[in-house]
Amino acid sequence: MFGKLESSLVKTLDRVDKLMDRLETLLPLLPPTLPVNDWTAIAYRWRRHRGAGRGFLQTVAHPHVIRFEDLKDIDAQKNRLDANTQQFVAGRAANNVLLTGARGTGKSSLVKAALHRYANQGLRLVEVDKADLIDLPEIADLLATRKERFIIFSDDLSFEANDPGYKALKSVLDGGIAAINDNMLVYATSNRRHLMPEKMSENEDAKHTSDGEIHPGESTEEKISLSERFGLWLSFYPFGQEQYLDIARHWVTVLAPQIKINSINAQDKLRRAALLWALERGSRSGRVAYQFARDWVGNVPLAAPTMPPMAPPKASQRLPKKRAARASPHTSRSVRAPRSAK
């Protein structure tokens, strides 16, 4: 009887081993578990898990903190972006924003400053790389049921003719079959006004010849159709010398408030160093001014710490004063020599 039980147990264990072997071969084919989205954060990065075939929101533990007050000489752009973001946070109608222009003039910093100002009112920022723009419909579906207000931020954006993210962004901005989320806007920065390269050869092709295009203007319309879907355009221009110096002085005072540059000599020294820095870099942008300020502040020698005045010792710690010995009347008076007899 025991022999039969033992043989049946052996057969059962063999079957279990074979089943486990099959499961081990199937485990790599199963999609991995994605991280759970942390909705308590204020800034995210969109990340795609290649094995899962889906994306998730990666929390930014330490967002870049910058204030509107730190952005100098772009007051017009700052006021318009602030007003648009305030409308969006308040639940009113607002536009997608395209920030274009010279490099290092504060385009990305302006978006980060908006997050810093309105994060306590429910504003959230989701940074999406250019390669992941094809996931915008998936991101929109993920954010549609949330009560927060989300800005999709794509920095330094530009496209070539066959980029897959080009049409995905067009569809999300305007033109797709799905309705646009009320709680989501797109803020994009670029050095190109229309987000795509414009070549001189395109003007040469616009000729009414036997093998030319019948409607040459339509190719140009296709290129500018994406930028036109941003309701608000903000243009940034290169800074002049005085604007650059103003930004450099501001960042020096912000990074090191203890450094005094009130004297004429200190201001002249700072001015000369800032201009030399810009000359070496070949640019007078706000980014270059900030980099100069960091270098200047880092090279200023630290002042020697002043020792605080010593407190008077306590009564119990005072040394006893030497008392002057009171001379007796016999010793205090000088002994006169006896007068010699006359």
C-alpha atoms as a PDB file:
ATOM      1  CA  MET A   1       0.000   0.000   0.000  1.00  0.00           C
ATOM      2  CA  PHE A   2       2.795   2.363   0.922  1.00  0.00           C
ATOM      3  CA  GLY A   3       4.571   1.520  -2.319  1.00  0.00           C
ATOM      4  CA  LYS A   4       1.566   2.647  -4.378  1.00  0.00           C
ATOM      5  CA  LEU A   5       1.317   5.914  -2.440  1.00  0.00           C
ATOM      6  CA  GLU A   6       5.001   6.563  -2.906  1.00  0.00           C
ATOM      7  CA  SER A   7       4.845   5.957  -6.654  1.00  0.00           C
ATOM      8  CA  SER A   8       1.801   8.217  -7.070  1.00  0.00           C
ATOM      9  CA  LEU A   9       3.539  10.943  -5.029  1.00  0.00           C
ATOM     10  CA  VAL A  10       6.605  10.700  -7.244  1.00  0.00           C
ATOM     11  CA  LYS A  11       4.452  11.059 -10.366  1.00  0.00           C
ATOM     12  CA  THR A  12       2.694  14.093  -8.886  1.00  0.00           C
ATOM     13  CA  LEU A  13       5.987  15.760  -8.053  1.00  0.00           C
ATOM     14  CA  ASP A  14       7.253  15.124 -11.582  1.00  0.00           C
ATOM     15  CA  ARG A  15       4.178  16.826 -13.013  1.00  0.00           C
ATOM     16  CA  VAL A  16       4.674  19.800 -10.684  1.00  0.00           C
ATOM     17  CA  ASP A  17       8.301  20.115 -11.802  1.00  0.00           C
ATOM     18  CA  LYS A  18       7.304  20.079 -15.465  1.00  0.00           C
ATOM     19  CA  LEU A  19       4.614  22.689 -14.789  1.00  0.00           C
ATOM     20  CA  MET A  20       7.120  24.953 -13.034  1.00  0.00           C
ATOM     21  CA  ASP A  21       9.519  24.616 -15.953  1.00  0.00           C
ATOM     22  CA  ARG A  22       6.804  25.767 -18.336  1.00  0.00           C
ATOM     23  CA  LEU A  23       5.919  28.723 -16.114  1.00  0.00           C
ATOM     24  CA  GLU A  24       9.560  29.792 -16.000  1.00  0.00           C
ATOM     25  CA  THR A  25       9.668  29.907 -19.778  1.00  0.00           C
ATOM     26  CA  LEU A  26       6.503  32.038 -19.841  1.00  0.00           C
ATOM     27  CA  LEU A  27       7.524  34.521 -17.148  1.00  0.00           C
ATOM     28  CA  PRO A  28       9.793  36.631 -19.409  1.00  0.00           C
ATOM     29  CA  LEU A  29       6.889  37.037 -21.810  1.00  0.00           C
ATOM     30  CA  LEU A  30       4.622  38.542 -19.160  1.00  0.00           C
ATOM     31  CA  PRO A  31       4.573  42.377 -19.049  1.00  0.00           C
ATOM     32  CA  PRO A  32       6.457  43.821 -16.071  1.00  0.00           C
ATOM     33  CA  THR A  33       4.632  45.719 -13.362  1.00  0.00           C
ATOM     34  CA  LEU A  34       4.760  49.485 -13.834  1.00  0.00           C
ATOM     35  CA  PRO A  35       5.351  51.855 -10.895  1.00  0.00           C
ATOM     36  CA  VAL A  36       2.252  53.343  -9.314  1.00  0.00           C
ATOM     37  CA  ASN A  37       1.793  57.019 -10.178  1.00  0.00           C
ATOM     38  CA  ASP A  38       2.405  59.299  -7.184  1.00  0.00           C
ATOM     39  CA  TRP A  39      -0.231  62.009  -7.486  1.00  0.00           C
ATOM     40  CA  THR A  40       1.118  63.968  -4.498  1.00  0.00           C
ATOM     41  CA  ALA A  41       4.093  65.298  -6.486  1.00  0.00           C
ATOM     42  CA  ILE A  42       4.061  68.570  -8.443  1.00  0.00           C
ATOM     43  CA  ALA A  43       6.397  67.634 -11.315  1.00  0.00           C
ATOM     44  CA  TYR A  44       6.759  64.480 -13.408  1.00  0.00           C
ATOM     45  CA  ARG A  45       8.667  63.024 -16.335  1.00  0.00           C
ATOM     46  CA  TRP A  46       6.937  60.731 -18.793  1.00  0.00           C
ATOM     47  CA  ARG A  47       8.839  57.483 -19.136  1.00  0.00           C
ATOM     48  CA  ARG A  48       8.063  54.558 -21.436  1.00  0.00           C
ATOM     49  CA  HIS A  49       8.808  51.028 -20.230  1.00  0.00           C
ATOM     50  CA  ARG A  50       9.946  49.085 -23.265  1.00  0.00           C
ATOM     51  CA  GLY A  51       9.046  45.690 -21.834  1.00  0.00           C
ATOM     52  CA  ALA A  52       5.579  46.782 -20.721  1.00  0.00           C
ATOM     53  CA  GLY A  53       4.789  48.643 -23.910  1.00  0.00           C
ATOM     54  CA  ARG A  54       3.214  51.405 -21.819  1.00  0.00           C
ATOM     55  CA  GLY A  55       4.394  54.509 -20.049  1.00  0.00           C
ATOM     56  CA  PHE A  56       4.195  55.936 -16.551  1.00  0.00           C
ATOM     57  CA  LEU A  57       4.766  59.209 -14.719  1.00  0.00           C
ATOM     58  CA  GLN A  58       8.115  59.348 -12.963  1.00  0.00           C
ATOM     59  CA  THR A  59       8.143  61.693  -9.985  1.00  0.00           C
ATOM     60  CA  VAL A  60      10.676  64.537  -9.988  1.00  0.00           C
ATOM     61  CA  ALA A  61      11.942  64.527  -6.420  1.00  0.00           C
ATOM     62  CA  HIS A  62      13.570  67.974  -6.535  1.00  0.00           C
ATOM     63  CA  PRO A  63      11.982  70.327  -9.095  1.00  0.00           C
ATOM     64  CA  HIS A  64      13.991  73.339 -10.225  1.00  0.00           C
ATOM     65  CA  VAL A  65      12.764  76.261  -8.133  1.00  0.00           C
ATOM     66  CA  ILE A  66      12.834  79.670  -9.805  1.00  0.00           C
ATOM     67  CA  ARG A  67      10.700  82.743  -9.243  1.00  0.00           C
ATOM     68  CA  PHE A  68       9.149  85.202 -11.660  1.00  0.00           C
ATOM     69  CA  GLU A  69      11.063  87.924  -9.827  1.00  0.00           C
ATOM     70  CA  ASP A  70      14.367  86.316 -10.859  1.00  0.00           C
ATOM     71  CA  LEU A  71      13.606  86.650 -14.586  1.00  0.00           C
ATOM     72  CA  LYS A  72      14.734  90.082 -15.712  1.00  0.00           C
ATOM     73  CA  ASP A  73      14.124  92.109 -18.883  1.00  0.00           C
ATOM     74  CA  ILE A  74      11.347  89.852 -20.236  1.00  0.00           C
ATOM     75  CA  ASP A  75       8.458  91.573 -18.466  1.00  0.00           C
ATOM     76  CA  ALA A  76       6.041  91.481 -21.423  1.00  0.00           C
ATOM     77  CA  GLN A  77       6.473  87.724 -21.968  1.00  0.00           C
ATOM     78  CA  LYS A  78       6.330  87.106 -18.233  1.00  0.00           C
ATOM     79  CA  ASN A  79       3.057  88.979 -17.769  1.00  0.00           C
ATOM     80  CA  ARG A  80       1.328  87.218 -20.676  1.00  0.00           C
ATOM     81  CA  LEU A  81       2.378  83.734 -19.575  1.00  0.00           C
ATOM     82  CA  ASP A  82       1.424  84.493 -15.988  1.00  0.00           C
ATOM     83  CA  ALA A  83      -2.028  85.689 -17.032  1.00  0.00           C
ATOM     84  CA  ASN A  84      -2.616  82.638 -19.242  1.00  0.00           C
ATOM     85  CA  THR A  85      -1.533  80.239 -16.488  1.00  0.00           C
ATOM     86  CA  GLN A  86      -3.678  82.018 -13.914  1.00  0.00           C
ATOM     87  CA  GLN A  87      -6.711  81.630 -16.182  1.00  0.00           C
ATOM     88  CA  PHE A  88      -5.949  77.932 -16.603  1.00  0.00           C
ATOM     89  CA  VAL A  89      -5.542  77.278 -12.872  1.00  0.00           C
ATOM     90  CA  ALA A  90      -8.776  79.123 -12.139  1.00  0.00           C
ATOM     91  CA  GLY A  91     -10.676  76.826 -14.520  1.00  0.00           C
ATOM     92  CA  ARG A  92     -11.217  79.472 -17.183  1.00  0.00           C
ATOM     93  CA  ALA A  93     -10.357  79.244 -20.878  1.00  0.00           C
ATOM     94  CA  ALA A  94      -6.638  79.390 -21.693  1.00  0.00           C
ATOM     95  CA  ASN A  95      -4.345  78.736 -24.637  1.00  0.00           C
ATOM     96  CA  ASN A  96      -1.494  76.402 -25.427  1.00  0.00           C
ATOM     97  CA  VAL A  97       1.747  78.395 -25.459  1.00  0.00           C
ATOM     98  CA  LEU A  98       4.722  78.316 -27.833  1.00  0.00           C
ATOM     99  CA  LEU A  99       7.829  80.131 -26.588  1.00  0.00           C
ATOM    100  CA  THR A 100      10.356  80.758 -29.359  1.00  0.00           C
ATOM    101  CA  GLY A 101      13.440  82.861 -29.839  1.00  0.00           C
ATOM    102  CA  ALA A 102      17.066  83.300 -28.878  1.00  0.00           C
ATOM    103  CA  ARG A 103      18.746  80.715 -26.700  1.00  0.00           C
ATOM    104  CA  GLY A 104      19.314  81.363 -23.022  1.00  0.00           C
ATOM    105  CA  THR A 105      16.692  84.116 -22.726  1.00  0.00           C
ATOM    106  CA  GLY A 106      14.461  82.462 -20.124  1.00  0.00           C
ATOM    107  CA  LYS A 107      11.941  80.421 -22.115  1.00  0.00           C
ATOM    108  CA  SER A 108      12.189  77.233 -20.038  1.00  0.00           C
ATOM    109  CA  SER A 109      12.728  79.163 -16.811  1.00  0.00           C
ATOM    110  CA  LEU A 110       9.455  81.004 -17.386  1.00  0.00           C
ATOM    111  CA  VAL A 111       7.518  77.725 -17.434  1.00  0.00           C
ATOM    112  CA  LYS A 112       9.258  76.534 -14.259  1.00  0.00           C
ATOM    113  CA  ALA A 113       8.466  79.848 -12.570  1.00  0.00           C
ATOM    114  CA  ALA A 114       4.788  79.368 -13.401  1.00  0.00           C
ATOM    115  CA  LEU A 115       4.869  75.966 -11.691  1.00  0.00           C
ATOM    116  CA  HIS A 116       6.535  77.478  -8.613  1.00  0.00           C
ATOM    117  CA  ARG A 117       3.871  80.191  -8.332  1.00  0.00           C
ATOM    118  CA  TYR A 118       0.767  78.056  -8.896  1.00  0.00           C
ATOM    119  CA  ALA A 119       1.735  74.631  -7.517  1.00  0.00           C
ATOM    120  CA  ASN A 120      -0.203  75.317  -4.307  1.00  0.00           C
ATOM    121  CA  GLN A 121      -3.294  75.978  -6.434  1.00  0.00           C
ATOM    122  CA  GLY A 122      -3.200  72.566  -8.124  1.00  0.00           C
ATOM    123  CA  LEU A 123      -0.877  73.172 -11.074  1.00  0.00           C
ATOM    124  CA  ARG A 124       1.291  70.214 -12.121  1.00  0.00           C
ATOM    125  CA  LEU A 125       4.035  69.897 -14.741  1.00  0.00           C
ATOM    126  CA  VAL A 126       4.672  66.835 -16.929  1.00  0.00           C
ATOM    127  CA  GLU A 127       7.868  66.943 -18.985  1.00  0.00           C
ATOM    128  CA  VAL A 128       7.681  64.943 -22.202  1.00  0.00           C
ATOM    129  CA  ASP A 129      10.679  64.400 -24.453  1.00  0.00           C
ATOM    130  CA  LYS A 130      10.378  64.853 -28.181  1.00  0.00           C
ATOM    131  CA  ALA A 131      10.765  61.108 -28.780  1.00  0.00           C
ATOM    132  CA  ASP A 132       7.802  60.387 -26.487  1.00  0.00           C
ATOM    133  CA  LEU A 133       5.345  62.814 -28.056  1.00  0.00           C
ATOM    134  CA  ILE A 134       3.694  59.895 -29.822  1.00  0.00           C
ATOM    135  CA  ASP A 135       2.404  58.923 -26.359  1.00  0.00           C
ATOM    136  CA  LEU A 136       0.450  62.171 -25.950  1.00  0.00           C
ATOM    137  CA  PRO A 137      -2.946  60.509 -26.521  1.00  0.00           C
ATOM    138  CA  GLU A 138      -2.080  57.961 -23.810  1.00  0.00           C
ATOM    139  CA  ILE A 139      -0.974  60.748 -21.460  1.00  0.00           C
ATOM    140  CA  ALA A 140      -4.167  62.678 -22.127  1.00  0.00           C
ATOM    141  CA  ASP A 141      -6.296  59.645 -21.236  1.00  0.00           C
ATOM    142  CA  LEU A 142      -4.295  59.129 -18.034  1.00  0.00           C
ATOM    143  CA  LEU A 143      -4.767  62.730 -16.883  1.00  0.00           C
ATOM    144  CA  ALA A 144      -8.359  63.192 -18.010  1.00  0.00           C
ATOM    145  CA  THR A 145      -9.933  62.026 -14.726  1.00  0.00           C
ATOM    146  CA  ARG A 146      -7.632  63.961 -12.412  1.00  0.00           C
ATOM    147  CA  LYS A 147      -8.747  67.126 -10.627  1.00  0.00           C
ATOM    148  CA  GLU A 148      -5.340  68.819 -10.906  1.00  0.00           C
ATOM    149  CA  ARG A 149      -4.373  71.128 -13.782  1.00  0.00           C
ATOM    150  CA  PHE A 150      -1.546  69.729 -15.915  1.00  0.00           C
ATOM    151  CA  ILE A 151       0.913  71.487 -18.216  1.00  0.00           C
ATOM    152  CA  ILE A 152       2.604  69.219 -20.751  1.00  0.00           C
ATOM    153  CA  PHE A 153       6.067  70.704 -21.102  1.00  0.00           C
ATOM    154  CA  SER A 154       8.302  69.931 -24.079  1.00  0.00           C
ATOM    155  CA  ASP A 155      11.610  71.783 -24.077  1.00  0.00           C
ATOM    156  CA  ASP A 156      13.753  72.685 -27.091  1.00  0.00           C
ATOM    157  CA  LEU A 157      11.251  71.277 -29.553  1.00  0.00           C
ATOM    158  CA  SER A 158      11.904  70.945 -33.279  1.00  0.00           C
ATOM    159  CA  PHE A 159      10.848  68.476 -35.945  1.00  0.00           C
ATOM    160  CA  GLU A 160      12.067  67.065 -39.190  1.00  0.00           C
ATOM    161  CA  ALA A 161       9.825  66.128 -42.059  1.00  0.00           C
ATOM    162  CA  ASN A 162       9.070  62.535 -41.009  1.00  0.00           C
ATOM    163  CA  ASP A 163       9.091  62.755 -37.199  1.00  0.00           C
ATOM    164  CA  PRO A 164       6.271  60.627 -35.740  1.00  0.00           C
ATOM    165  CA  GLY A 165       5.675  63.040 -32.863  1.00  0.00           C
ATOM    166  CA  TYR A 166       4.775  65.846 -35.278  1.00  0.00           C
ATOM    167  CA  LYS A 167       1.324  64.531 -36.138  1.00  0.00           C
ATOM    168  CA  ALA A 168       0.699  63.289 -32.595  1.00  0.00           C
ATOM    169  CA  LEU A 169       1.227  66.801 -31.248  1.00  0.00           C
ATOM    170  CA  LYS A 170      -0.988  68.284 -33.939  1.00  0.00           C
ATOM    171  CA  SER A 171      -3.746  65.863 -33.041  1.00  0.00           C
ATOM    172  CA  VAL A 172      -3.580  66.642 -29.319  1.00  0.00           C
ATOM    173  CA  LEU A 173      -3.485  70.395 -29.813  1.00  0.00           C
ATOM    174  CA  ASP A 174      -6.400  70.527 -32.213  1.00  0.00           C
ATOM    175  CA  GLY A 175      -7.815  68.300 -34.877  1.00  0.00           C
ATOM    176  CA  GLY A 176      -8.124  64.851 -33.308  1.00  0.00           C
ATOM    177  CA  ILE A 177     -11.357  62.941 -32.953  1.00  0.00           C
ATOM    178  CA  ALA A 178     -11.090  63.018 -29.153  1.00  0.00           C
ATOM    179  CA  ALA A 179     -12.056  66.145 -27.245  1.00  0.00           C
ATOM    180  CA  ILE A 180      -9.256  68.199 -25.731  1.00  0.00           C
ATOM    181  CA  ASN A 181      -8.837  67.779 -21.973  1.00  0.00           C
ATOM    182  CA  ASP A 182     -10.023  70.748 -19.959  1.00  0.00           C
ATOM    183  CA  ASN A 183      -7.313  70.110 -17.368  1.00  0.00           C
ATOM    184  CA  MET A 184      -4.347  69.946 -19.759  1.00  0.00           C
ATOM    185  CA  LEU A 185      -2.352  72.482 -21.768  1.00  0.00           C
ATOM    186  CA  VAL A 186       0.851  72.216 -23.811  1.00  0.00           C
ATOM    187  CA  TYR A 187       3.731  74.625 -23.204  1.00  0.00           C
ATOM    188  CA  ALA A 188       6.589  74.141 -25.682  1.00  0.00           C
ATOM    189  CA  THR A 189       9.872  75.985 -26.203  1.00  0.00           C
ATOM    190  CA  SER A 190      11.862  76.105 -29.396  1.00  0.00           C
ATOM    191  CA  ASN A 191      14.559  78.091 -31.175  1.00  0.00           C
ATOM    192  CA  ARG A 192      12.544  77.737 -34.394  1.00  0.00           C
ATOM    193  CA  ARG A 193       9.486  79.850 -34.910  1.00  0.00           C
ATOM    194  CA  HIS A 194       7.560  77.206 -36.843  1.00  0.00           C
ATOM    195  CA  LEU A 195       9.188  74.161 -35.159  1.00  0.00           C
ATOM    196  CA  MET A 196      10.509  72.905 -38.506  1.00  0.00           C
ATOM    197  CA  PRO A 197      13.499  73.860 -40.668  1.00  0.00           C
ATOM    198  CA  GLU A 198      12.805  76.234 -43.534  1.00  0.00           C
ATOM    199  CA  LYS A 199      15.135  75.948 -46.530  1.00  0.00           C
ATOM    200  CA  MET A 200      15.875  78.247 -49.444  1.00  0.00           C
ATOM    201  CA  SER A 201      15.364  75.357 -51.843  1.00  0.00           C
ATOM    202  CA  GLU A 202      11.670  75.419 -50.987  1.00  0.00           C
ATOM    203  CA  ASN A 203      11.403  78.860 -52.573  1.00  0.00           C
ATOM    204  CA  GLU A 204      13.147  77.570 -55.673  1.00  0.00           C
ATOM    205  CA  ASP A 205      10.692  74.699 -55.926  1.00  0.00           C
ATOM    206  CA  ALA A 206       7.769  77.117 -55.855  1.00  0.00           C
ATOM    207  CA  LYS A 207       7.849  77.633 -59.611  1.00  0.00           C
ATOM    208  CA  HIS A 208       5.079  77.053 -62.088  1.00  0.00           C
ATOM    209  CA  THR A 209       6.995  74.731 -64.366  1.00  0.00           C
ATOM    210  CA  SER A 210       6.014  71.537 -66.158  1.00  0.00           C
ATOM    211  CA  ASP A 211       7.257  69.335 -63.302  1.00  0.00           C
ATOM    212  CA  GLY A 212       6.600  71.755 -60.453  1.00  0.00           C
ATOM    213  CA  GLU A 213       3.913  71.532 -57.808  1.00  0.00           C
ATOM    214  CA  ILE A 214       0.574  72.954 -58.842  1.00  0.00           C
ATOM    215  CA  HIS A 215      -0.037  74.578 -55.461  1.00  0.00           C
ATOM    216  CA  PRO A 216       3.430  75.254 -54.025  1.00  0.00           C
ATOM    217  CA  GLY A 217       2.016  77.276 -51.130  1.00  0.00           C
ATOM    218  CA  GLU A 218       0.378  74.201 -49.659  1.00  0.00           C
ATOM    219  CA  SER A 219       3.721  72.691 -48.630  1.00  0.00           C
ATOM    220  CA  THR A 220       4.500  75.854 -46.692  1.00  0.00           C
ATOM    221  CA  GLU A 221       1.057  75.778 -45.094  1.00  0.00           C
ATOM    222  CA  GLU A 222       1.738  72.243 -43.901  1.00  0.00           C
ATOM    223  CA  LYS A 223       4.928  73.339 -42.179  1.00  0.00           C
ATOM    224  CA  ILE A 224       3.385  76.226 -40.270  1.00  0.00           C
ATOM    225  CA  SER A 225       0.170  74.394 -39.420  1.00  0.00           C
ATOM    226  CA  LEU A 226       1.606  73.010 -36.172  1.00  0.00           C
ATOM    227  CA  SER A 227       2.813  76.317 -34.786  1.00  0.00           C
ATOM    228  CA  GLU A 228      -0.546  77.913 -35.570  1.00  0.00           C
ATOM    229  CA  ARG A 229      -2.273  75.457 -33.233  1.00  0.00           C
ATOM    230  CA  PHE A 230      -0.640  77.182 -30.283  1.00  0.00           C
ATOM    231  CA  GLY A 231      -2.994  79.949 -29.287  1.00  0.00           C
ATOM    232  CA  LEU A 232      -0.343  82.087 -27.617  1.00  0.00           C
ATOM    233  CA  TRP A 233       3.047  82.887 -29.158  1.00  0.00           C
ATOM    234  CA  LEU A 234       5.759  84.450 -27.014  1.00  0.00           C
ATOM    235  CA  SER A 235       8.900  85.634 -28.801  1.00  0.00           C
ATOM    236  CA  PHE A 236      12.251  86.156 -27.049  1.00  0.00           C
ATOM    237  CA  TYR A 237      15.059  88.316 -28.381  1.00  0.00           C
ATOM    238  CA  PRO A 238      18.801  88.578 -27.649  1.00  0.00           C
ATOM    239  CA  PHE A 239      19.776  90.786 -24.720  1.00  0.00           C
ATOM    240  CA  GLY A 240      21.781  93.961 -25.048  1.00  0.00           C
ATOM    241  CA  GLN A 241      24.844  94.725 -22.967  1.00  0.00           C
ATOM    242  CA  GLU A 242      23.051  96.660 -20.234  1.00  0.00           C
ATOM    243  CA  GLN A 243      20.358  94.006 -19.943  1.00  0.00           C
ATOM    244  CA  TYR A 244      23.023  91.342 -19.608  1.00  0.00           C
ATOM    245  CA  LEU A 245      24.810  93.319 -16.880  1.00  0.00           C
ATOM    246  CA  ASP A 246      21.537  93.901 -15.042  1.00  0.00           C
ATOM    247  CA  ILE A 247      20.841  90.147 -14.989  1.00  0.00           C
ATOM    248  CA  ALA A 248      24.392  89.393 -13.825  1.00  0.00           C
ATOM    249  CA  ARG A 249      24.144  91.878 -10.944  1.00  0.00           C
ATOM    250  CA  HIS A 250      20.793  90.455  -9.931  1.00  0.00           C
ATOM    251  CA  TRP A 251      22.064  86.884  -9.720  1.00  0.00           C
ATOM    252  CA  VAL A 252      25.137  87.956  -7.754  1.00  0.00           C
ATOM    253  CA  THR A 253      22.890  89.532  -5.121  1.00  0.00           C
ATOM    254  CA  VAL A 254      20.592  86.497  -5.085  1.00  0.00           C
ATOM    255  CA  LEU A 255      23.354  83.892  -4.807  1.00  0.00           C
ATOM    256  CA  ALA A 256      25.426  85.825  -2.265  1.00  0.00           C
ATOM    257  CA  PRO A 257      23.475  88.542  -0.442  1.00  0.00           C
ATOM    258  CA  GLN A 258      26.458  89.148   1.843  1.00  0.00           C
ATOM    259  CA  ILE A 259      28.557  90.491  -1.035  1.00  0.00           C
ATOM    260  CA  LYS A 260      28.330  94.277  -1.164  1.00  0.00           C
ATOM    261  CA  ILE A 261      28.631  95.888  -4.596  1.00  0.00           C
ATOM    262  CA  ASN A 262      27.412  99.355  -3.667  1.00  0.00           C
ATOM    263  CA  SER A 263      30.716 101.139  -4.118  1.00  0.00           C
ATOM    264  CA  ILE A 264      31.783 102.463  -7.496  1.00  0.00           C
ATOM    265  CA  ASN A 265      34.955 100.397  -7.378  1.00  0.00           C
ATOM    266  CA  ALA A 266      33.041  97.154  -6.705  1.00  0.00           C
ATOM    267  CA  GLN A 267      30.512  97.880  -9.465  1.00  0.00           C
ATOM    268  CA  ASP A 268      33.258  98.644 -11.976  1.00  0.00           C
ATOM    269  CA  LYS A 269      35.100  95.456 -11.064  1.00  0.00           C
ATOM    270  CA  LEU A 270      31.930  93.395 -11.477  1.00  0.00           C
ATOM    271  CA  ARG A 271      31.126  95.067 -14.785  1.00  0.00           C
ATOM    272  CA  ARG A 272      34.559  94.391 -16.247  1.00  0.00           C
ATOM    273  CA  ALA A 273      34.519  90.745 -15.157  1.00  0.00           C
ATOM    274  CA  ALA A 274      30.991  90.184 -16.540  1.00  0.00           C
ATOM    275  CA  LEU A 275      31.855  91.701 -19.926  1.00  0.00           C
ATOM    276  CA  LEU A 276      35.025  89.631 -20.168  1.00  0.00           C
ATOM    277  CA  TRP A 277      33.012  86.493 -19.356  1.00  0.00           C
ATOM    278  CA  ALA A 278      30.483  87.291 -22.101  1.00  0.00           C
ATOM    279  CA  LEU A 279      33.278  87.996 -24.581  1.00  0.00           C
ATOM    280  CA  GLU A 280      34.877  84.624 -23.882  1.00  0.00           C
ATOM    281  CA  ARG A 281      31.546  82.848 -24.273  1.00  0.00           C
ATOM    282  CA  GLY A 282      30.484  84.782 -27.350  1.00  0.00           C
ATOM    283  CA  SER A 283      27.024  85.458 -25.925  1.00  0.00           C
ATOM    284  CA  ARG A 284      25.186  87.881 -23.639  1.00  0.00           C
ATOM    285  CA  SER A 285      22.224  85.695 -22.745  1.00  0.00           C
ATOM    286  CA  GLY A 286      20.563  85.332 -19.379  1.00  0.00           C
ATOM    287  CA  ARG A 287      22.020  81.852 -19.043  1.00  0.00           C
ATOM    288  CA  VAL A 288      25.544  83.200 -19.533  1.00  0.00           C
ATOM    289  CA  ALA A 289      24.865  85.919 -16.935  1.00  0.00           C
ATOM    290  CA  TYR A 290      23.735  83.286 -14.440  1.00  0.00           C
ATOM    291  CA  GLN A 291      26.824  81.184 -15.103  1.00  0.00           C
ATOM    292  CA  PHE A 292      29.029  84.230 -14.600  1.00  0.00           C
ATOM    293  CA  ALA A 293      27.326  85.003 -11.285  1.00  0.00           C
ATOM    294  CA  ARG A 294      27.956  81.479 -10.033  1.00  0.00           C
ATOM    295  CA  ASP A 295      31.623  81.722 -10.976  1.00  0.00           C
ATOM    296  CA  TRP A 296      31.990  85.197  -9.461  1.00  0.00           C
ATOM    297  CA  VAL A 297      30.332  84.249  -6.186  1.00  0.00           C
ATOM    298  CA  GLY A 298      32.355  81.055  -5.943  1.00  0.00           C
ATOM    299  CA  ASN A 299      35.647  82.912  -6.359  1.00  0.00           C
ATOM    300  CA  VAL A 300      34.983  85.633  -3.785  1.00  0.00           C
ATOM    301  CA  PRO A 301      37.129  84.865  -0.715  1.00  0.00           C
ATOM    302  CA  LEU A 302      35.132  84.245   2.407  1.00  0.00           C
ATOM    303  CA  ALA A 303      35.541  86.875   5.072  1.00  0.00           C
ATOM    304  CA  ALA A 304      37.245  85.779   8.273  1.00  0.00           C
ATOM    305  CA  PRO A 305      34.626  85.038  10.927  1.00  0.00           C
ATOM    306  CA  THR A 306      34.451  87.678  13.604  1.00  0.00           C
ATOM    307  CA  MET A 307      34.654  86.423  17.180  1.00  0.00           C
ATOM    308  CA  PRO A 308      31.705  87.468  19.316  1.00  0.00           C
ATOM    309  CA  PRO A 309      32.533  89.611  22.357  1.00  0.00           C
ATOM    310  CA  MET A 310      33.206  87.567  25.452  1.00  0.00           C
ATOM    311  CA  ALA A 311      30.611  87.778  28.146  1.00  0.00           C
ATOM    312  CA  PRO A 312      31.792  89.013  31.567  1.00  0.00           C
ATOM    313  CA  PRO A 313      32.487  86.145  33.971  1.00  0.00           C
ATOM    314  CA  LYS A 314      29.965  85.256  36.583  1.00  0.00           C
ATOM    315  CA  ALA A 315      30.369  86.406  40.124  1.00  0.00           C
ATOM    316  CA  SER A 316      31.387  82.933  41.236  1.00  0.00           C
ATOM    317  CA  GLN A 317      34.104  82.844  38.582  1.00  0.00           C
ATOM    318  CA  ARG A 318      35.635  86.227  39.328  1.00  0.00           C
ATOM    319  CA  LEU A 319      39.071  86.242  40.822  1.00  0.00           C
ATOM    320  CA  PRO A 320      39.306  87.883  44.233  1.00  0.00           C
ATOM    321  CA  LYS A 321      40.791  91.313  44.078  1.00  0.00           C
ATOM    322  CA  LYS A 322      43.953  91.926  45.984  1.00  0.00           C
ATOM    323  CA  ARG A 323      43.172  94.157  48.824  1.00  0.00           C
ATOM    324  CA  ALA A 324      45.698  96.820  49.628  1.00  0.00           C
ATOM    325  CA  ALA A 325      47.209  96.065  53.016  1.00  0.00           C
ATOM    326  CA  ARG A 326      46.072  98.627  55.535  1.00  0.00           C
ATOM    327  CA  ALA A 327      49.134  99.910  57.196  1.00  0.00           C
ATOM    328  CA  SER A 328      49.113 100.421  60.919  1.00  0.00           C
ATOM    329  CA  PRO A 329      49.619 103.918  62.191  1.00  0.00           C
ATOM    330  CA  HIS A 330      53.018 102.869  63.393  1.00  0.00           C
ATOM    331  CA  THR A 331      54.144 101.751  59.955  1.00  0.00           C
ATOM    332  CA  SER A 332      52.216 104.056  57.703  1.00  0.00           C
ATOM    333  CA  ARG A 333      53.918 107.168  58.840  1.00  0.00           C
ATOM    334  CA  SER A 334      57.432 107.692  57.847  1.00  0.00           C
ATOM    335  CA  VAL A 335      59.849 107.585  60.717  1.00  0.00           C
ATOM    336  CA  ARG A 336      61.601 110.837  61.011  1.00  0.00           C
ATOM    337  CA  ALA A 337      65.229 110.824  61.733  1.00  0.00           C
ATOM    338  CA  PRO A 338      66.055 112.349  65.082  1.00  0.00           C
ATOM    339  CA  ARG A 339      67.102 115.913  64.922  1.00  0.00           C
ATOM    340  CA  SER A 340      70.660 116.427  65.535  1.00  0.00           C
ATOM    341  CA  ALA A 341      71.404 118.373  68.654  1.00  0.00           C
ATOM    342  CA  LYS A 342      72.223 121.868  68.043  1.00  0.00           C
END
